[in-house]
């Protein structure tokens, strides 16, 4: 994993080798090059989030929310 080029606070250094996979297990997209676009159900606004950021939130919250994170 090449961490050169990332700052010490950049979470993407931890997801450099991560890929988005389809339901058959085929790699489709690199996580660090991907975003999720969705309609926020609370504000009804379209938002974009880096996929690496969602992984960071998942990892950070996994222990404290064991029942809701699968």
PDB file of N, CA and C in Angstrom:
ATOM      1  N   UNK A   1       0.844  -1.166   0.000  1.00  0.00           N
ATOM      2  CA  UNK A   1       0.000   0.000   0.000  1.00  0.00           C
ATOM      3  C   UNK A   1       0.894   1.235   0.000  1.00  0.00           C
ATOM      4  N   UNK A   2       0.706   2.096  -0.958  1.00  0.00           N
ATOM      5  CA  UNK A   2       1.503   3.304  -1.083  1.00  0.00           C
ATOM      6  C   UNK A   2       0.852   4.434  -0.300  1.00  0.00           C
ATOM      7  N   UNK A   3       1.455   4.828   0.818  1.00  0.00           N
ATOM      8  CA  UNK A   3       0.897   5.893   1.631  1.00  0.00           C
ATOM      9  C   UNK A   3       1.555   7.230   1.338  1.00  0.00           C
ATOM     10  N   UNK A   4       2.499   7.270   0.422  1.00  0.00           N
ATOM     11  CA  UNK A   4       3.130   8.528   0.063  1.00  0.00           C
ATOM     12  C   UNK A   4       2.115   9.431  -0.618  1.00  0.00           C
ATOM     13  N   UNK A   5       2.156  10.709  -0.308  1.00  0.00           N
ATOM     14  CA  UNK A   5       1.211  11.633  -0.896  1.00  0.00           C
ATOM     15  C   UNK A   5       0.004  11.900  -0.031  1.00  0.00           C
ATOM     16  N   UNK A   6      -0.172  11.167   1.043  1.00  0.00           N
ATOM     17  CA  UNK A   6      -1.276  11.395   1.960  1.00  0.00           C
ATOM     18  C   UNK A   6      -0.749  12.071   3.221  1.00  0.00           C
ATOM     19  N   UNK A   7      -1.518  13.025   3.754  1.00  0.00           N
ATOM     20  CA  UNK A   7      -1.118  13.653   5.009  1.00  0.00           C
ATOM     21  C   UNK A   7      -1.368  12.672   6.159  1.00  0.00           C
ATOM     22  N   UNK A   8      -0.840  12.991   7.323  1.00  0.00           N
ATOM     23  CA  UNK A   8      -1.019  12.102   8.476  1.00  0.00           C
ATOM     24  C   UNK A   8      -2.477  12.035   8.929  1.00  0.00           C
ATOM     25  N   UNK A   9      -3.295  13.005   8.534  1.00  0.00           N
ATOM     26  CA  UNK A   9      -4.703  13.026   8.931  1.00  0.00           C
ATOM     27  C   UNK A   9      -5.636  12.525   7.831  1.00  0.00           C
ATOM     28  N   UNK A  10      -5.077  12.117   6.719  1.00  0.00           N
ATOM     29  CA  UNK A  10      -5.887  11.689   5.586  1.00  0.00           C
ATOM     30  C   UNK A  10      -6.241  10.213   5.731  1.00  0.00           C
ATOM     31  N   UNK A  11      -7.515   9.917   5.911  1.00  0.00           N
ATOM     32  CA  UNK A  11      -7.978   8.555   6.120  1.00  0.00           C
ATOM     33  C   UNK A  11      -7.754   7.682   4.885  1.00  0.00           C
ATOM     34  N   UNK A  12      -7.685   8.291   3.686  1.00  0.00           N
ATOM     35  CA  UNK A  12      -7.548   7.515   2.453  1.00  0.00           C
ATOM     36  C   UNK A  12      -6.309   6.633   2.442  1.00  0.00           C
ATOM     37  N   UNK A  13      -5.304   6.967   3.247  1.00  0.00           N
ATOM     38  CA  UNK A  13      -4.114   6.112   3.301  1.00  0.00           C
ATOM     39  C   UNK A  13      -4.477   4.721   3.826  1.00  0.00           C
ATOM     40  N   UNK A  14      -5.568   4.625   4.593  1.00  0.00           N
ATOM     41  CA  UNK A  14      -6.012   3.333   5.136  1.00  0.00           C
ATOM     42  C   UNK A  14      -6.906   2.569   4.171  1.00  0.00           C
ATOM     43  N   UNK A  15      -7.390   3.233   3.135  1.00  0.00           N
ATOM     44  CA  UNK A  15      -8.298   2.586   2.190  1.00  0.00           C
ATOM     45  C   UNK A  15      -7.707   2.542   0.781  1.00  0.00           C
ATOM     46  N   UNK A  16      -6.398   2.710   0.683  1.00  0.00           N
ATOM     47  CA  UNK A  16      -5.737   2.769  -0.621  1.00  0.00           C
ATOM     48  C   UNK A  16      -5.932   1.497  -1.436  1.00  0.00           C
ATOM     49  N   UNK A  17      -6.038   0.346  -0.786  1.00  0.00           N
ATOM     50  CA  UNK A  17      -6.192  -0.916  -1.508  1.00  0.00           C
ATOM     51  C   UNK A  17      -7.634  -1.422  -1.505  1.00  0.00           C
ATOM     52  N   UNK A  18      -8.572  -0.630  -0.983  1.00  0.00           N
ATOM     53  CA  UNK A  18      -9.979  -1.041  -0.907  1.00  0.00           C
ATOM     54  C   UNK A  18     -10.675  -0.834  -2.251  1.00  0.00           C
ATOM     55  N   UNK A  19     -11.590  -1.748  -2.580  1.00  0.00           N
ATOM     56  CA  UNK A  19     -12.366  -1.651  -3.815  1.00  0.00           C
ATOM     57  C   UNK A  19     -13.841  -1.896  -3.520  1.00  0.00           C
ATOM     58  N   UNK A  20     -14.700  -1.340  -4.347  1.00  0.00           N
ATOM     59  CA  UNK A  20     -16.133  -1.614  -4.290  1.00  0.00           C
ATOM     60  C   UNK A  20     -16.367  -2.883  -5.092  1.00  0.00           C
ATOM     61  N   UNK A  21     -17.123  -3.806  -4.518  1.00  0.00           N
ATOM     62  CA  UNK A  21     -17.374  -5.081  -5.192  1.00  0.00           C
ATOM     63  C   UNK A  21     -18.863  -5.241  -5.466  1.00  0.00           C
ATOM     64  N   UNK A  22     -19.183  -5.954  -6.538  1.00  0.00           N
ATOM     65  CA  UNK A  22     -20.578  -6.267  -6.795  1.00  0.00           C
ATOM     66  C   UNK A  22     -20.973  -7.505  -5.982  1.00  0.00           C
ATOM     67  N   UNK A  23     -22.215  -7.913  -6.081  1.00  0.00           N
ATOM     68  CA  UNK A  23     -22.700  -9.026  -5.261  1.00  0.00           C
ATOM     69  C   UNK A  23     -22.085 -10.371  -5.645  1.00  0.00           C
ATOM     70  N   UNK A  24     -21.399 -10.458  -6.786  1.00  0.00           N
ATOM     71  CA  UNK A  24     -20.740 -11.700  -7.204  1.00  0.00           C
ATOM     72  C   UNK A  24     -19.269 -11.724  -6.828  1.00  0.00           C
ATOM     73  N   UNK A  25     -18.787 -10.657  -6.175  1.00  0.00           N
ATOM     74  CA  UNK A  25     -17.407 -10.621  -5.723  1.00  0.00           C
ATOM     75  C   UNK A  25     -16.425 -10.011  -6.701  1.00  0.00           C
ATOM     76  N   UNK A  26     -16.915  -9.460  -7.775  1.00  0.00           N
ATOM     77  CA  UNK A  26     -16.033  -8.829  -8.751  1.00  0.00           C
ATOM     78  C   UNK A  26     -15.718  -7.391  -8.352  1.00  0.00           C
ATOM     79  N   UNK A  27     -14.456  -7.017  -8.383  1.00  0.00           N
ATOM     80  CA  UNK A  27     -14.059  -5.648  -8.050  1.00  0.00           C
ATOM     81  C   UNK A  27     -14.527  -4.712  -9.153  1.00  0.00           C
ATOM     82  N   UNK A  28     -15.127  -3.608  -8.767  1.00  0.00           N
ATOM     83  CA  UNK A  28     -15.682  -2.686  -9.739  1.00  0.00           C
ATOM     84  C   UNK A  28     -14.961  -1.335  -9.743  1.00  0.00           C
ATOM     85  N   UNK A  29     -14.791  -0.718  -8.583  1.00  0.00           N
ATOM     86  CA  UNK A  29     -14.218   0.624  -8.476  1.00  0.00           C
ATOM     87  C   UNK A  29     -13.277   0.719  -7.281  1.00  0.00           C
ATOM     88  N   UNK A  30     -12.266   1.564  -7.407  1.00  0.00           N
ATOM     89  CA  UNK A  30     -11.383   1.825  -6.269  1.00  0.00           C
ATOM     90  C   UNK A  30     -12.106   2.770  -5.309  1.00  0.00           C
ATOM     91  N   UNK A  31     -12.071   2.474  -4.018  1.00  0.00           N
ATOM     92  CA  UNK A  31     -12.774   3.258  -3.003  1.00  0.00           C
ATOM     93  C   UNK A  31     -12.304   4.715  -3.000  1.00  0.00           C
ATOM     94  N   UNK A  32     -11.004   4.941  -3.068  1.00  0.00           N
ATOM     95  CA  UNK A  32     -10.496   6.309  -2.985  1.00  0.00           C
ATOM     96  C   UNK A  32     -10.877   7.161  -4.182  1.00  0.00           C
ATOM     97  N   UNK A  33     -11.363   6.544  -5.241  1.00  0.00           N
ATOM     98  CA  UNK A  33     -11.798   7.280  -6.427  1.00  0.00           C
ATOM     99  C   UNK A  33     -13.321   7.342  -6.526  1.00  0.00           C
ATOM    100  N   UNK A  34     -14.029   6.951  -5.459  1.00  0.00           N
ATOM    101  CA  UNK A  34     -15.484   6.822  -5.516  1.00  0.00           C
ATOM    102  C   UNK A  34     -16.179   7.710  -4.493  1.00  0.00           C
ATOM    103  N   UNK A  35     -17.367   8.179  -4.881  1.00  0.00           N
ATOM    104  CA  UNK A  35     -18.235   8.944  -3.992  1.00  0.00           C
ATOM    105  C   UNK A  35     -19.621   8.325  -4.019  1.00  0.00           C
ATOM    106  N   UNK A  36     -20.386   8.593  -2.971  1.00  0.00           N
ATOM    107  CA  UNK A  36     -21.774   8.165  -2.908  1.00  0.00           C
ATOM    108  C   UNK A  36     -22.627   9.424  -2.999  1.00  0.00           C
ATOM    109  N   UNK A  37     -23.570   9.424  -3.931  1.00  0.00           N
ATOM    110  CA  UNK A  37     -24.517  10.540  -4.056  1.00  0.00           C
ATOM    111  C   UNK A  37     -25.877  10.012  -3.628  1.00  0.00           C
ATOM    112  N   UNK A  38     -26.547  10.746  -2.743  1.00  0.00           N
ATOM    113  CA  UNK A  38     -27.826  10.286  -2.211  1.00  0.00           C
ATOM    114  C   UNK A  38     -28.678  11.483  -1.814  1.00  0.00           C
ATOM    115  N   UNK A  39     -29.961  11.242  -1.629  1.00  0.00           N
ATOM    116  CA  UNK A  39     -30.864  12.265  -1.124  1.00  0.00           C
ATOM    117  C   UNK A  39     -30.968  12.081   0.378  1.00  0.00           C
ATOM    118  N   UNK A  40     -30.592  13.119   1.114  1.00  0.00           N
ATOM    119  CA  UNK A  40     -30.670  13.078   2.571  1.00  0.00           C
ATOM    120  C   UNK A  40     -32.147  13.059   2.957  1.00  0.00           C
ATOM    121  N   UNK A  41     -32.601  12.016   3.675  1.00  0.00           N
ATOM    122  CA  UNK A  41     -34.028  11.919   4.005  1.00  0.00           C
ATOM    123  C   UNK A  41     -34.509  12.993   4.981  1.00  0.00           C
ATOM    124  N   UNK A  42     -33.592  13.615   5.703  1.00  0.00           N
ATOM    125  CA  UNK A  42     -33.992  14.655   6.660  1.00  0.00           C
ATOM    126  C   UNK A  42     -34.132  16.022   5.997  1.00  0.00           C
ATOM    127  N   UNK A  43     -33.230  16.327   5.042  1.00  0.00           N
ATOM    128  CA  UNK A  43     -33.249  17.638   4.403  1.00  0.00           C
ATOM    129  C   UNK A  43     -33.782  17.594   2.975  1.00  0.00           C
ATOM    130  N   UNK A  44     -33.891  16.393   2.401  1.00  0.00           N
ATOM    131  CA  UNK A  44     -34.301  16.165   1.018  1.00  0.00           C
ATOM    132  C   UNK A  44     -33.366  16.821   0.008  1.00  0.00           C
ATOM    133  N   UNK A  45     -32.140  17.105   0.440  1.00  0.00           N
ATOM    134  CA  UNK A  45     -31.119  17.653  -0.452  1.00  0.00           C
ATOM    135  C   UNK A  45     -30.222  16.527  -0.942  1.00  0.00           C
ATOM    136  N   UNK A  46     -29.722  16.676  -2.176  1.00  0.00           N
ATOM    137  CA  UNK A  46     -28.763  15.727  -2.709  1.00  0.00           C
ATOM    138  C   UNK A  46     -27.398  16.019  -2.101  1.00  0.00           C
ATOM    139  N   UNK A  47     -26.740  14.976  -1.603  1.00  0.00           N
ATOM    140  CA  UNK A  47     -25.436  15.132  -0.973  1.00  0.00           C
ATOM    141  C   UNK A  47     -24.462  14.133  -1.563  1.00  0.00           C
ATOM    142  N   UNK A  48     -23.168  14.429  -1.445  1.00  0.00           N
ATOM    143  CA  UNK A  48     -22.103  13.534  -1.878  1.00  0.00           C
ATOM    144  C   UNK A  48     -21.147  13.307  -0.718  1.00  0.00           C
ATOM    145  N   UNK A  49     -20.713  12.058  -0.570  1.00  0.00           N
ATOM    146  CA  UNK A  49     -19.764  11.702   0.483  1.00  0.00           C
ATOM    147  C   UNK A  49     -18.706  10.798  -0.140  1.00  0.00           C
ATOM    148  N   UNK A  50     -17.437  11.071   0.153  1.00  0.00           N
ATOM    149  CA  UNK A  50     -16.372  10.174  -0.288  1.00  0.00           C
ATOM    150  C   UNK A  50     -16.577   8.808   0.359  1.00  0.00           C
ATOM    151  N   UNK A  51     -16.439   7.768  -0.423  1.00  0.00           N
ATOM    152  CA  UNK A  51     -16.629   6.417   0.102  1.00  0.00           C
ATOM    153  C   UNK A  51     -15.626   6.097   1.198  1.00  0.00           C
ATOM    154  N   UNK A  52     -14.407   6.622   1.086  1.00  0.00           N
ATOM    155  CA  UNK A  52     -13.413   6.391   2.137  1.00  0.00           C
ATOM    156  C   UNK A  52     -13.868   7.000   3.467  1.00  0.00           C
ATOM    157  N   UNK A  53     -14.606   8.107   3.406  1.00  0.00           N
ATOM    158  CA  UNK A  53     -15.143   8.743   4.617  1.00  0.00           C
ATOM    159  C   UNK A  53     -16.187   7.838   5.266  1.00  0.00           C
ATOM    160  N   UNK A  54     -17.017   7.190   4.466  1.00  0.00           N
ATOM    161  CA  UNK A  54     -18.010   6.270   5.027  1.00  0.00           C
ATOM    162  C   UNK A  54     -17.341   5.085   5.706  1.00  0.00           C
ATOM    163  N   UNK A  55     -16.241   4.606   5.147  1.00  0.00           N
ATOM    164  CA  UNK A  55     -15.497   3.514   5.781  1.00  0.00           C
ATOM    165  C   UNK A  55     -14.939   3.990   7.111  1.00  0.00           C
ATOM    166  N   UNK A  56     -14.426   5.219   7.151  1.00  0.00           N
ATOM    167  CA  UNK A  56     -13.892   5.771   8.394  1.00  0.00           C
ATOM    168  C   UNK A  56     -14.971   5.831   9.470  1.00  0.00           C
ATOM    169  N   UNK A  57     -16.154   6.306   9.119  1.00  0.00           N
ATOM    170  CA  UNK A  57     -17.261   6.377  10.077  1.00  0.00           C
ATOM    171  C   UNK A  57     -17.651   4.979  10.541  1.00  0.00           C
ATOM    172  N   UNK A  58     -17.714   4.038   9.622  1.00  0.00           N
ATOM    173  CA  UNK A  58     -18.050   2.661   9.971  1.00  0.00           C
ATOM    174  C   UNK A  58     -17.053   2.088  10.971  1.00  0.00           C
ATOM    175  N   UNK A  59     -15.770   2.225  10.688  1.00  0.00           N
ATOM    176  CA  UNK A  59     -14.731   1.681  11.563  1.00  0.00           C
ATOM    177  C   UNK A  59     -14.772   2.357  12.933  1.00  0.00           C
ATOM    178  N   UNK A  60     -14.913   3.673  12.948  1.00  0.00           N
ATOM    179  CA  UNK A  60     -14.923   4.398  14.217  1.00  0.00           C
ATOM    180  C   UNK A  60     -16.146   4.093  15.064  1.00  0.00           C
ATOM    181  N   UNK A  61     -17.271   3.783  14.435  1.00  0.00           N
ATOM    182  CA  UNK A  61     -18.510   3.545  15.178  1.00  0.00           C
ATOM    183  C   UNK A  61     -18.819   2.070  15.398  1.00  0.00           C
ATOM    184  N   UNK A  62     -18.053   1.202  14.789  1.00  0.00           N
ATOM    185  CA  UNK A  62     -18.357  -0.221  14.840  1.00  0.00           C
ATOM    186  C   UNK A  62     -18.420  -0.749  16.270  1.00  0.00           C
ATOM    187  N   UNK A  63     -17.483  -0.392  17.095  1.00  0.00           N
ATOM    188  CA  UNK A  63     -17.437  -0.917  18.463  1.00  0.00           C
ATOM    189  C   UNK A  63     -18.576  -0.370  19.315  1.00  0.00           C
ATOM    190  N   UNK A  64     -18.903   0.905  19.158  1.00  0.00           N
ATOM    191  CA  UNK A  64     -19.931   1.508  20.013  1.00  0.00           C
ATOM    192  C   UNK A  64     -21.345   1.224  19.528  1.00  0.00           C
ATOM    193  N   UNK A  65     -21.493   0.752  18.293  1.00  0.00           N
ATOM    194  CA  UNK A  65     -22.811   0.466  17.747  1.00  0.00           C
ATOM    195  C   UNK A  65     -22.867  -0.960  17.195  1.00  0.00           C
ATOM    196  N   UNK A  66     -22.464  -1.905  17.990  1.00  0.00           N
ATOM    197  CA  UNK A  66     -22.341  -3.291  17.512  1.00  0.00           C
ATOM    198  C   UNK A  66     -23.615  -3.824  16.874  1.00  0.00           C
ATOM    199  N   UNK A  67     -24.765  -3.470  17.429  1.00  0.00           N
ATOM    200  CA  UNK A  67     -26.007  -4.033  16.914  1.00  0.00           C
ATOM    201  C   UNK A  67     -26.456  -3.370  15.618  1.00  0.00           C
ATOM    202  N   UNK A  68     -26.096  -2.106  15.386  1.00  0.00           N
ATOM    203  CA  UNK A  68     -26.600  -1.417  14.202  1.00  0.00           C
ATOM    204  C   UNK A  68     -25.627  -1.439  13.027  1.00  0.00           C
ATOM    205  N   UNK A  69     -24.390  -1.839  13.230  1.00  0.00           N
ATOM    206  CA  UNK A  69     -23.391  -1.871  12.159  1.00  0.00           C
ATOM    207  C   UNK A  69     -23.171  -3.323  11.748  1.00  0.00           C
ATOM    208  N   UNK A  70     -23.489  -3.620  10.486  1.00  0.00           N
ATOM    209  CA  UNK A  70     -23.355  -5.005  10.011  1.00  0.00           C
ATOM    210  C   UNK A  70     -22.504  -5.042   8.789  1.00  0.00           C
TER     211      UNK A  70
END
